[in-house]
Amino acid sequence: MAIDLDKMSEKELQDLRLRIDQAMASLKDRRRAEARAAAERAAADMGFSLDELVGAQKKTARKSAPKYRNPEDPRQTWTGKGRQPGWIKDGLNSGKTLDDFAI
C-alpha cells in the first residue's frame, strides 16, 4: 500500500501523523504487555512471581500528623509540609510565629 504524500493536503497529513502516533503508542503498549507476560511466565517457571524478582513493594501512604492548629478554628490544621495555609500566612504577617500555632 503506497501513499503519495505529495498529493495530500496539510489536514490529511496531520490526520495521518496523528494516526501513526496512536499506532506507535498502541504497538509500544502491546510489546510492553507481551514482555511482561513473558517475564511473568519465566519467573513462574522458576517458582517466583515477577514482583518478587524485581523487588516491587506496595507503597502505603503515611499521613503526617498535624503540627499546627488555627486558634480561631481548631478544625483547621497543617502538618508543616507543603504550602502554608492562608491562616498561617495571615498570622505570620500580623507578627505571630509558627510557635503560636503549634499543637
C-alpha atoms as a PDB file:
ATOM      1  CA  MET A   1       0.000   0.000   0.000  1.00  0.00           C
ATOM      2  CA  ALA A   2       1.795   3.079  -1.246  1.00  0.00           C
ATOM      3  CA  ILE A   3       0.717   6.501  -0.006  1.00  0.00           C
ATOM      4  CA  ASP A   4       1.527   9.507  -2.152  1.00  0.00           C
ATOM      5  CA  LEU A   5       2.301  12.132   0.490  1.00  0.00           C
ATOM      6  CA  ASP A   6       2.836  14.831  -2.126  1.00  0.00           C
ATOM      7  CA  LYS A   7      -0.847  14.731  -3.112  1.00  0.00           C
ATOM      8  CA  MET A   8      -2.150  15.016   0.454  1.00  0.00           C
ATOM      9  CA  SER A   9      -3.405  18.246   1.987  1.00  0.00           C
ATOM     10  CA  GLU A  10      -1.990  19.629   5.204  1.00  0.00           C
ATOM     11  CA  LYS A  11      -5.077  18.415   7.093  1.00  0.00           C
ATOM     12  CA  GLU A  12      -4.729  14.921   5.641  1.00  0.00           C
ATOM     13  CA  LEU A  13      -1.037  14.836   6.570  1.00  0.00           C
ATOM     14  CA  GLN A  14      -1.807  15.969  10.134  1.00  0.00           C
ATOM     15  CA  ASP A  15      -4.508  13.299  10.423  1.00  0.00           C
ATOM     16  CA  LEU A  16      -2.076  10.703   9.116  1.00  0.00           C
ATOM     17  CA  ARG A  17       0.564  11.818  11.623  1.00  0.00           C
ATOM     18  CA  LEU A  18      -1.971  11.538  14.463  1.00  0.00           C
ATOM     19  CA  ARG A  19      -2.986   8.028  13.362  1.00  0.00           C
ATOM     20  CA  ILE A  20       0.677   6.989  13.114  1.00  0.00           C
ATOM     21  CA  ASP A  21       1.422   8.368  16.602  1.00  0.00           C
ATOM     22  CA  GLN A  22      -1.565   6.470  18.008  1.00  0.00           C
ATOM     23  CA  ALA A  23      -0.500   3.268  16.238  1.00  0.00           C
ATOM     24  CA  MET A  24       3.063   3.611  17.577  1.00  0.00           C
ATOM     25  CA  ALA A  25       1.785   4.113  21.129  1.00  0.00           C
ATOM     26  CA  SER A  26      -0.501   1.108  20.787  1.00  0.00           C
ATOM     27  CA  LEU A  27       2.348  -1.012  19.451  1.00  0.00           C
ATOM     28  CA  LYS A  28       4.581   0.018  22.340  1.00  0.00           C
ATOM     29  CA  ASP A  29       1.844  -0.865  24.853  1.00  0.00           C
ATOM     30  CA  ARG A  30       1.288  -4.269  23.228  1.00  0.00           C
ATOM     31  CA  ARG A  31       5.013  -5.024  23.237  1.00  0.00           C
ATOM     32  CA  ARG A  32       5.299  -3.982  26.875  1.00  0.00           C
ATOM     33  CA  ALA A  33       2.389  -6.276  27.804  1.00  0.00           C
ATOM     34  CA  GLU A  34       3.946  -9.153  25.830  1.00  0.00           C
ATOM     35  CA  ALA A  35       7.321  -8.622  27.514  1.00  0.00           C
ATOM     36  CA  ARG A  36       5.710  -8.532  30.959  1.00  0.00           C
ATOM     37  CA  ALA A  37       3.741 -11.703  30.244  1.00  0.00           C
ATOM     38  CA  ALA A  38       6.897 -13.463  29.058  1.00  0.00           C
ATOM     39  CA  ALA A  39       8.788 -12.318  32.150  1.00  0.00           C
ATOM     40  CA  GLU A  40       5.932 -13.481  34.405  1.00  0.00           C
ATOM     41  CA  ARG A  41       5.920 -16.903  32.703  1.00  0.00           C
ATOM     42  CA  ALA A  42       9.701 -17.217  33.083  1.00  0.00           C
ATOM     43  CA  ALA A  43       9.507 -16.253  36.763  1.00  0.00           C
ATOM     44  CA  ALA A  44       6.620 -18.681  37.371  1.00  0.00           C
ATOM     45  CA  ASP A  45       8.607 -21.486  35.699  1.00  0.00           C
ATOM     46  CA  MET A  46      11.293 -20.909  38.343  1.00  0.00           C
ATOM     47  CA  GLY A  47       8.768 -20.745  41.190  1.00  0.00           C
ATOM     48  CA  PHE A  48       8.694 -16.986  41.697  1.00  0.00           C
ATOM     49  CA  SER A  49       6.395 -14.113  40.970  1.00  0.00           C
ATOM     50  CA  LEU A  50       7.712 -11.276  38.859  1.00  0.00           C
ATOM     51  CA  ASP A  51       7.130  -8.852  41.732  1.00  0.00           C
ATOM     52  CA  GLU A  52       9.356 -10.973  43.973  1.00  0.00           C
ATOM     53  CA  LEU A  53      12.181 -10.819  41.462  1.00  0.00           C
ATOM     54  CA  VAL A  54      12.049  -7.126  40.674  1.00  0.00           C
ATOM     55  CA  GLY A  55      11.562  -6.135  44.290  1.00  0.00           C
ATOM     56  CA  ALA A  56       8.208  -4.449  43.804  1.00  0.00           C
ATOM     57  CA  GLN A  57       6.833  -3.241  47.099  1.00  0.00           C
ATOM     58  CA  LYS A  58       3.420  -1.924  47.786  1.00  0.00           C
ATOM     59  CA  LYS A  59       3.653   1.646  48.929  1.00  0.00           C
ATOM     60  CA  THR A  60       1.476   2.730  51.768  1.00  0.00           C
ATOM     61  CA  ALA A  61       0.779   6.383  52.143  1.00  0.00           C
ATOM     62  CA  ARG A  62       1.694   7.764  55.509  1.00  0.00           C
ATOM     63  CA  LYS A  63      -0.359  10.648  56.661  1.00  0.00           C
ATOM     64  CA  SER A  64       1.628  13.144  58.670  1.00  0.00           C
ATOM     65  CA  ALA A  65       0.285  14.289  61.990  1.00  0.00           C
ATOM     66  CA  PRO A  66      -0.680  17.960  62.152  1.00  0.00           C
ATOM     67  CA  LYS A  67       1.796  20.226  63.922  1.00  0.00           C
ATOM     68  CA  TYR A  68      -0.116  23.496  63.762  1.00  0.00           C
ATOM     69  CA  ARG A  69      -3.703  24.472  64.518  1.00  0.00           C
ATOM     70  CA  ASN A  70      -5.690  27.606  63.741  1.00  0.00           C
ATOM     71  CA  PRO A  71      -6.619  29.099  67.131  1.00  0.00           C
ATOM     72  CA  GLU A  72      -9.717  30.705  65.616  1.00  0.00           C
ATOM     73  CA  ASP A  73     -10.936  27.439  64.029  1.00  0.00           C
ATOM     74  CA  PRO A  74      -9.438  24.334  65.676  1.00  0.00           C
ATOM     75  CA  ARG A  75     -10.692  22.157  62.793  1.00  0.00           C
ATOM     76  CA  GLN A  76      -8.054  23.757  60.555  1.00  0.00           C
ATOM     77  CA  THR A  77      -4.670  22.117  60.938  1.00  0.00           C
ATOM     78  CA  TRP A  78      -1.410  21.986  58.995  1.00  0.00           C
ATOM     79  CA  THR A  79       1.380  19.396  59.049  1.00  0.00           C
ATOM     80  CA  GLY A  80       4.106  21.927  58.312  1.00  0.00           C
ATOM     81  CA  LYS A  81       4.658  20.365  54.891  1.00  0.00           C
ATOM     82  CA  GLY A  82       3.629  21.851  51.584  1.00  0.00           C
ATOM     83  CA  ARG A  83       2.181  25.284  51.038  1.00  0.00           C
ATOM     84  CA  GLN A  84       1.297  27.327  54.066  1.00  0.00           C
ATOM     85  CA  PRO A  85      -2.444  27.760  54.562  1.00  0.00           C
ATOM     86  CA  GLY A  86      -3.844  31.264  54.408  1.00  0.00           C
ATOM     87  CA  TRP A  87      -4.475  31.408  58.162  1.00  0.00           C
ATOM     88  CA  ILE A  88      -0.779  30.671  58.814  1.00  0.00           C
ATOM     89  CA  LYS A  89       0.317  33.338  56.335  1.00  0.00           C
ATOM     90  CA  ASP A  90      -2.091  35.856  57.831  1.00  0.00           C
ATOM     91  CA  GLY A  91      -0.857  35.109  61.346  1.00  0.00           C
ATOM     92  CA  LEU A  92       2.805  35.397  60.358  1.00  0.00           C
ATOM     93  CA  ASN A  93       2.102  38.700  58.591  1.00  0.00           C
ATOM     94  CA  SER A  94       0.438  40.033  61.750  1.00  0.00           C
ATOM     95  CA  GLY A  95       3.529  39.324  63.864  1.00  0.00           C
ATOM     96  CA  LYS A  96       2.854  35.830  65.178  1.00  0.00           C
ATOM     97  CA  THR A  97       5.381  32.993  64.928  1.00  0.00           C
ATOM     98  CA  LEU A  98       4.840  29.375  63.991  1.00  0.00           C
ATOM     99  CA  ASP A  99       5.221  28.533  67.690  1.00  0.00           C
ATOM    100  CA  ASP A 100       1.993  30.450  68.299  1.00  0.00           C
ATOM    101  CA  PHE A 101       0.158  27.877  66.176  1.00  0.00           C
ATOM    102  CA  ALA A 102       1.949  24.756  67.459  1.00  0.00           C
ATOM    103  CA  ILE A 103      -0.215  21.962  68.761  1.00  0.00           C
END
